[in-house]
């Protein structure tokens, strides 16, 4: 199986995020979503992250990319 994406979506704004999500519903499609957001520190402190994003990190209800089969 090729690792090249079928679709490349640039920008995870409202339209880009929805487009990537819709295209990735078909498990045969590979979707690459590129986002050039802020580069936050990776020290685990979550300092400076917006509250909505901070909630998702480390939350057991939030499935990470490795946990969602068929999504990349």
C-alpha atoms as a PDB file:
ATOM      1  CA  UNK A   1       0.000   0.000   0.000  1.00  0.00           C
ATOM      2  CA  UNK A   2       1.348   3.411  -0.978  1.00  0.00           C
ATOM      3  CA  UNK A   3       1.899   5.914   1.796  1.00  0.00           C
ATOM      4  CA  UNK A   4       1.195   8.876  -0.480  1.00  0.00           C
ATOM      5  CA  UNK A   5      -1.980  10.757   0.444  1.00  0.00           C
ATOM      6  CA  UNK A   6      -4.956  10.890  -1.874  1.00  0.00           C
ATOM      7  CA  UNK A   7      -5.773  14.376  -0.596  1.00  0.00           C
ATOM      8  CA  UNK A   8      -3.651  17.138   0.907  1.00  0.00           C
ATOM      9  CA  UNK A   9      -5.637  19.758   2.814  1.00  0.00           C
ATOM     10  CA  UNK A  10      -3.727  22.930   3.681  1.00  0.00           C
ATOM     11  CA  UNK A  11      -5.077  24.720   6.744  1.00  0.00           C
ATOM     12  CA  UNK A  12      -7.142  23.285   9.567  1.00  0.00           C
ATOM     13  CA  UNK A  13      -9.566  26.174   9.823  1.00  0.00           C
ATOM     14  CA  UNK A  14     -13.318  25.569   9.765  1.00  0.00           C
ATOM     15  CA  UNK A  15     -13.383  24.535   6.099  1.00  0.00           C
ATOM     16  CA  UNK A  16     -10.078  22.643   6.059  1.00  0.00           C
ATOM     17  CA  UNK A  17     -10.859  20.634   9.167  1.00  0.00           C
ATOM     18  CA  UNK A  18     -14.281  19.647   7.859  1.00  0.00           C
ATOM     19  CA  UNK A  19     -12.888  18.768   4.423  1.00  0.00           C
ATOM     20  CA  UNK A  20     -10.175  16.553   5.919  1.00  0.00           C
ATOM     21  CA  UNK A  21     -12.673  14.857   8.235  1.00  0.00           C
ATOM     22  CA  UNK A  22     -15.125  14.155   5.422  1.00  0.00           C
ATOM     23  CA  UNK A  23     -12.454  12.788   3.089  1.00  0.00           C
ATOM     24  CA  UNK A  24     -11.000  10.554   5.804  1.00  0.00           C
ATOM     25  CA  UNK A  25     -14.361   8.857   6.477  1.00  0.00           C
ATOM     26  CA  UNK A  26     -13.537   6.461   3.629  1.00  0.00           C
ATOM     27  CA  UNK A  27     -10.854   4.175   5.074  1.00  0.00           C
ATOM     28  CA  UNK A  28      -9.372   3.640   1.606  1.00  0.00           C
ATOM     29  CA  UNK A  29      -8.430   7.327   1.361  1.00  0.00           C
ATOM     30  CA  UNK A  30      -5.329   8.780   2.935  1.00  0.00           C
ATOM     31  CA  UNK A  31      -5.610  12.437   3.934  1.00  0.00           C
ATOM     32  CA  UNK A  32      -2.762  14.728   4.954  1.00  0.00           C
ATOM     33  CA  UNK A  33      -3.859  17.822   6.891  1.00  0.00           C
ATOM     34  CA  UNK A  34      -1.198  20.541   7.162  1.00  0.00           C
ATOM     35  CA  UNK A  35      -1.491  23.322   9.716  1.00  0.00           C
ATOM     36  CA  UNK A  36       1.090  26.010  10.390  1.00  0.00           C
ATOM     37  CA  UNK A  37      -0.054  27.030  13.833  1.00  0.00           C
ATOM     38  CA  UNK A  38       1.970  28.231  16.779  1.00  0.00           C
ATOM     39  CA  UNK A  39       4.889  26.003  17.829  1.00  0.00           C
ATOM     40  CA  UNK A  40       4.190  25.442  21.529  1.00  0.00           C
ATOM     41  CA  UNK A  41       6.762  24.050  23.939  1.00  0.00           C
ATOM     42  CA  UNK A  42       6.778  20.277  24.253  1.00  0.00           C
ATOM     43  CA  UNK A  43       7.733  20.170  27.907  1.00  0.00           C
ATOM     44  CA  UNK A  44       4.335  18.829  28.959  1.00  0.00           C
ATOM     45  CA  UNK A  45       3.332  22.008  30.797  1.00  0.00           C
ATOM     46  CA  UNK A  46       0.732  23.058  28.189  1.00  0.00           C
ATOM     47  CA  UNK A  47       1.690  26.621  29.107  1.00  0.00           C
ATOM     48  CA  UNK A  48       0.325  29.105  26.598  1.00  0.00           C
ATOM     49  CA  UNK A  49      -2.093  26.695  24.915  1.00  0.00           C
ATOM     50  CA  UNK A  50      -5.633  27.964  24.415  1.00  0.00           C
ATOM     51  CA  UNK A  51      -8.008  26.464  26.983  1.00  0.00           C
ATOM     52  CA  UNK A  52      -9.966  24.389  24.449  1.00  0.00           C
ATOM     53  CA  UNK A  53      -6.797  22.759  23.138  1.00  0.00           C
ATOM     54  CA  UNK A  54      -5.355  22.317  26.619  1.00  0.00           C
ATOM     55  CA  UNK A  55      -8.428  20.300  27.601  1.00  0.00           C
ATOM     56  CA  UNK A  56      -7.811  17.776  24.804  1.00  0.00           C
ATOM     57  CA  UNK A  57      -4.203  17.040  25.725  1.00  0.00           C
ATOM     58  CA  UNK A  58      -3.987  14.209  28.202  1.00  0.00           C
ATOM     59  CA  UNK A  59      -7.752  13.791  28.346  1.00  0.00           C
ATOM     60  CA  UNK A  60      -8.524  10.038  28.330  1.00  0.00           C
ATOM     61  CA  UNK A  61     -11.626  10.698  26.217  1.00  0.00           C
ATOM     62  CA  UNK A  62      -9.536  12.229  23.436  1.00  0.00           C
ATOM     63  CA  UNK A  63      -8.366   9.571  20.976  1.00  0.00           C
ATOM     64  CA  UNK A  64      -4.954  10.402  19.555  1.00  0.00           C
ATOM     65  CA  UNK A  65      -3.982   9.720  15.920  1.00  0.00           C
ATOM     66  CA  UNK A  66      -2.550   6.292  16.773  1.00  0.00           C
ATOM     67  CA  UNK A  67      -5.848   5.282  18.355  1.00  0.00           C
ATOM     68  CA  UNK A  68      -8.110   6.165  15.421  1.00  0.00           C
ATOM     69  CA  UNK A  69      -7.838   3.354  12.921  1.00  0.00           C
ATOM     70  CA  UNK A  70      -7.860   4.466   9.313  1.00  0.00           C
ATOM     71  CA  UNK A  71      -7.184   8.146  10.057  1.00  0.00           C
ATOM     72  CA  UNK A  72      -3.791   9.744   9.524  1.00  0.00           C
END
